[in-house]
Amino acid sequence: MPFEQPFPRSFVVSSVQTHAPARSGVYGISNAGEWIYIGETDDIREALLLHLQESNTVLLQRHPTGFVFEVCDRGKRLGRQDRLVLEYEPTCNRRLSKHL
């Protein structure tokens, strides 16, 4: 089942601050050609802002341009993230799973 929000918001600080809630949930980061990363967190806004502050990461090297999210409680987040990762096969999640 795809993300509830099908159209991404711009992955820049002002858009994240405006649109991403400071709530528990899952989020996806993409560019025009691929899904880059899908994560789960207690605070969607904070997690996205932290990604934007990182430097020289594989995620940023993929030139992310958009983000989507779903609010969900802590007990459902990990399962929802796993389903979304299987569906979208984001590049950075595949790289991470090879190192676990």
C-alpha atoms as a PDB file:
ATOM      1  CA  MET A   1       0.000   0.000   0.000  1.00  0.00           C
ATOM      2  CA  PRO A   2       1.603   3.307  -1.086  1.00  0.00           C
ATOM      3  CA  PHE A   3       2.096   6.424   1.021  1.00  0.00           C
ATOM      4  CA  GLU A   4      -1.195   8.140   1.877  1.00  0.00           C
ATOM      5  CA  GLN A   5       0.212  11.412   0.507  1.00  0.00           C
ATOM      6  CA  PRO A   6       1.052  10.637  -3.130  1.00  0.00           C
ATOM      7  CA  PHE A   7       2.636  13.956  -4.129  1.00  0.00           C
ATOM      8  CA  PRO A   8       5.884  15.026  -2.475  1.00  0.00           C
ATOM      9  CA  ARG A   9       6.563  18.375  -0.863  1.00  0.00           C
ATOM     10  CA  SER A  10       9.780  20.196  -1.660  1.00  0.00           C
ATOM     11  CA  PHE A  11      12.676  18.870   0.428  1.00  0.00           C
ATOM     12  CA  VAL A  12      13.974  22.232   1.677  1.00  0.00           C
ATOM     13  CA  VAL A  13      14.001  23.654   5.207  1.00  0.00           C
ATOM     14  CA  SER A  14      11.097  26.072   4.712  1.00  0.00           C
ATOM     15  CA  SER A  15       8.828  23.383   3.247  1.00  0.00           C
ATOM     16  CA  VAL A  16       9.703  20.867   5.970  1.00  0.00           C
ATOM     17  CA  GLN A  17       9.019  23.460   8.672  1.00  0.00           C
ATOM     18  CA  THR A  18       5.686  24.359   7.051  1.00  0.00           C
ATOM     19  CA  HIS A  19       4.354  20.935   6.101  1.00  0.00           C
ATOM     20  CA  ALA A  20       5.980  18.223   8.219  1.00  0.00           C
ATOM     21  CA  PRO A  21       4.357  17.647  11.609  1.00  0.00           C
ATOM     22  CA  ALA A  22       6.288  17.261  14.848  1.00  0.00           C
ATOM     23  CA  ARG A  23       4.529  13.918  15.345  1.00  0.00           C
ATOM     24  CA  SER A  24       5.254  10.214  15.254  1.00  0.00           C
ATOM     25  CA  GLY A  25       5.222   8.573  11.844  1.00  0.00           C
ATOM     26  CA  VAL A  26       7.004   7.412   8.708  1.00  0.00           C
ATOM     27  CA  TYR A  27       8.499   9.500   5.926  1.00  0.00           C
ATOM     28  CA  GLY A  28       9.990   9.038   2.483  1.00  0.00           C
ATOM     29  CA  ILE A  29      12.604  11.084   0.662  1.00  0.00           C
ATOM     30  CA  SER A  30      12.874  11.003  -3.129  1.00  0.00           C
ATOM     31  CA  ASN A  31      14.129  12.732  -6.251  1.00  0.00           C
ATOM     32  CA  ALA A  32      12.558  12.770  -9.702  1.00  0.00           C
ATOM     33  CA  GLY A  33      13.930   9.338 -10.564  1.00  0.00           C
ATOM     34  CA  GLU A  34      13.943   7.249  -7.396  1.00  0.00           C
ATOM     35  CA  TRP A  35      12.980   6.740  -3.789  1.00  0.00           C
ATOM     36  CA  ILE A  36      16.070   7.446  -1.737  1.00  0.00           C
ATOM     37  CA  TYR A  37      15.137   6.659   1.861  1.00  0.00           C
ATOM     38  CA  ILE A  38      12.151   5.661   4.002  1.00  0.00           C
ATOM     39  CA  GLY A  39      12.375   6.118   7.755  1.00  0.00           C
ATOM     40  CA  GLU A  40      10.335   6.063  10.945  1.00  0.00           C
ATOM     41  CA  THR A  41      10.601   8.477  13.852  1.00  0.00           C
ATOM     42  CA  ASP A  42       8.999  10.029  16.929  1.00  0.00           C
ATOM     43  CA  ASP A  43       9.154  13.465  15.225  1.00  0.00           C
ATOM     44  CA  ILE A  44       8.811  13.641  11.439  1.00  0.00           C
ATOM     45  CA  ARG A  45       9.792  17.313  11.179  1.00  0.00           C
ATOM     46  CA  GLU A  46      12.908  16.879  13.301  1.00  0.00           C
ATOM     47  CA  ALA A  47      14.064  13.789  11.362  1.00  0.00           C
ATOM     48  CA  LEU A  48      13.685  15.548   8.007  1.00  0.00           C
ATOM     49  CA  LEU A  49      15.478  18.666   9.249  1.00  0.00           C
ATOM     50  CA  LEU A  50      18.335  16.498  10.541  1.00  0.00           C
ATOM     51  CA  HIS A  51      18.701  14.903   7.093  1.00  0.00           C
ATOM     52  CA  LEU A  52      18.907  18.376   5.557  1.00  0.00           C
ATOM     53  CA  GLN A  53      21.671  19.359   7.999  1.00  0.00           C
ATOM     54  CA  GLU A  54      23.822  16.323   7.229  1.00  0.00           C
ATOM     55  CA  SER A  55      26.752  16.739   4.904  1.00  0.00           C
ATOM     56  CA  ASN A  56      28.422  14.320   2.534  1.00  0.00           C
ATOM     57  CA  THR A  57      25.941  11.482   3.080  1.00  0.00           C
ATOM     58  CA  VAL A  58      24.776   8.953   0.519  1.00  0.00           C
ATOM     59  CA  LEU A  59      21.256  10.331   0.921  1.00  0.00           C
ATOM     60  CA  LEU A  60      22.288  13.882  -0.027  1.00  0.00           C
ATOM     61  CA  GLN A  61      24.535  12.611  -2.830  1.00  0.00           C
ATOM     62  CA  ARG A  62      21.340  11.266  -4.462  1.00  0.00           C
ATOM     63  CA  HIS A  63      20.066  14.888  -4.733  1.00  0.00           C
ATOM     64  CA  PRO A  64      16.744  14.573  -2.884  1.00  0.00           C
ATOM     65  CA  THR A  65      14.034  16.959  -3.988  1.00  0.00           C
ATOM     66  CA  GLY A  66      10.861  15.779  -2.228  1.00  0.00           C
ATOM     67  CA  PHE A  67       9.402  14.222   0.887  1.00  0.00           C
ATOM     68  CA  VAL A  68       6.151  12.587   1.924  1.00  0.00           C
ATOM     69  CA  PHE A  69       4.988  11.378   5.315  1.00  0.00           C
ATOM     70  CA  GLU A  70       2.274   9.592   7.255  1.00  0.00           C
ATOM     71  CA  VAL A  71       1.417  10.213  10.870  1.00  0.00           C
ATOM     72  CA  CYS A  72       1.099   6.960  12.807  1.00  0.00           C
ATOM     73  CA  ASP A  73       1.603   5.847  16.373  1.00  0.00           C
ATOM     74  CA  ARG A  74       4.820   4.314  17.645  1.00  0.00           C
ATOM     75  CA  GLY A  75       3.434   0.773  17.715  1.00  0.00           C
ATOM     76  CA  LYS A  76       2.649   0.772  13.976  1.00  0.00           C
ATOM     77  CA  ARG A  77       5.635   2.728  12.636  1.00  0.00           C
ATOM     78  CA  LEU A  78       8.189  -0.019  12.150  1.00  0.00           C
ATOM     79  CA  GLY A  79       5.747  -2.349  10.406  1.00  0.00           C
ATOM     80  CA  ARG A  80       4.560   0.452   8.130  1.00  0.00           C
ATOM     81  CA  GLN A  81       8.143   1.433   7.334  1.00  0.00           C
ATOM     82  CA  ASP A  82       8.996  -2.175   6.456  1.00  0.00           C
ATOM     83  CA  ARG A  83       5.998  -2.459   4.103  1.00  0.00           C
ATOM     84  CA  LEU A  84       6.890   0.831   2.373  1.00  0.00           C
ATOM     85  CA  VAL A  85      10.542  -0.214   1.982  1.00  0.00           C
ATOM     86  CA  LEU A  86       9.445  -3.482   0.340  1.00  0.00           C
ATOM     87  CA  GLU A  87       7.109  -1.608  -2.001  1.00  0.00           C
ATOM     88  CA  TYR A  88       9.344   1.322  -2.992  1.00  0.00           C
ATOM     89  CA  GLU A  89      12.818  -0.270  -2.598  1.00  0.00           C
ATOM     90  CA  PRO A  90      14.589   2.999  -1.690  1.00  0.00           C
ATOM     91  CA  THR A  91      18.272   3.126  -2.575  1.00  0.00           C
ATOM     92  CA  CYS A  92      19.636   4.016   0.867  1.00  0.00           C
ATOM     93  CA  ASN A  93      17.538   1.416   2.699  1.00  0.00           C
ATOM     94  CA  ARG A  94      18.926  -1.289   0.387  1.00  0.00           C
ATOM     95  CA  ARG A  95      22.485  -0.110   1.095  1.00  0.00           C
ATOM     96  CA  LEU A  96      21.839  -0.113   4.852  1.00  0.00           C
ATOM     97  CA  SER A  97      20.298  -3.590   4.888  1.00  0.00           C
ATOM     98  CA  LYS A  98      23.392  -5.041   3.167  1.00  0.00           C
ATOM     99  CA  HIS A  99      25.534  -3.804   6.066  1.00  0.00           C
ATOM    100  CA  LEU A 100      23.381  -5.276   8.859  1.00  0.00           C
END
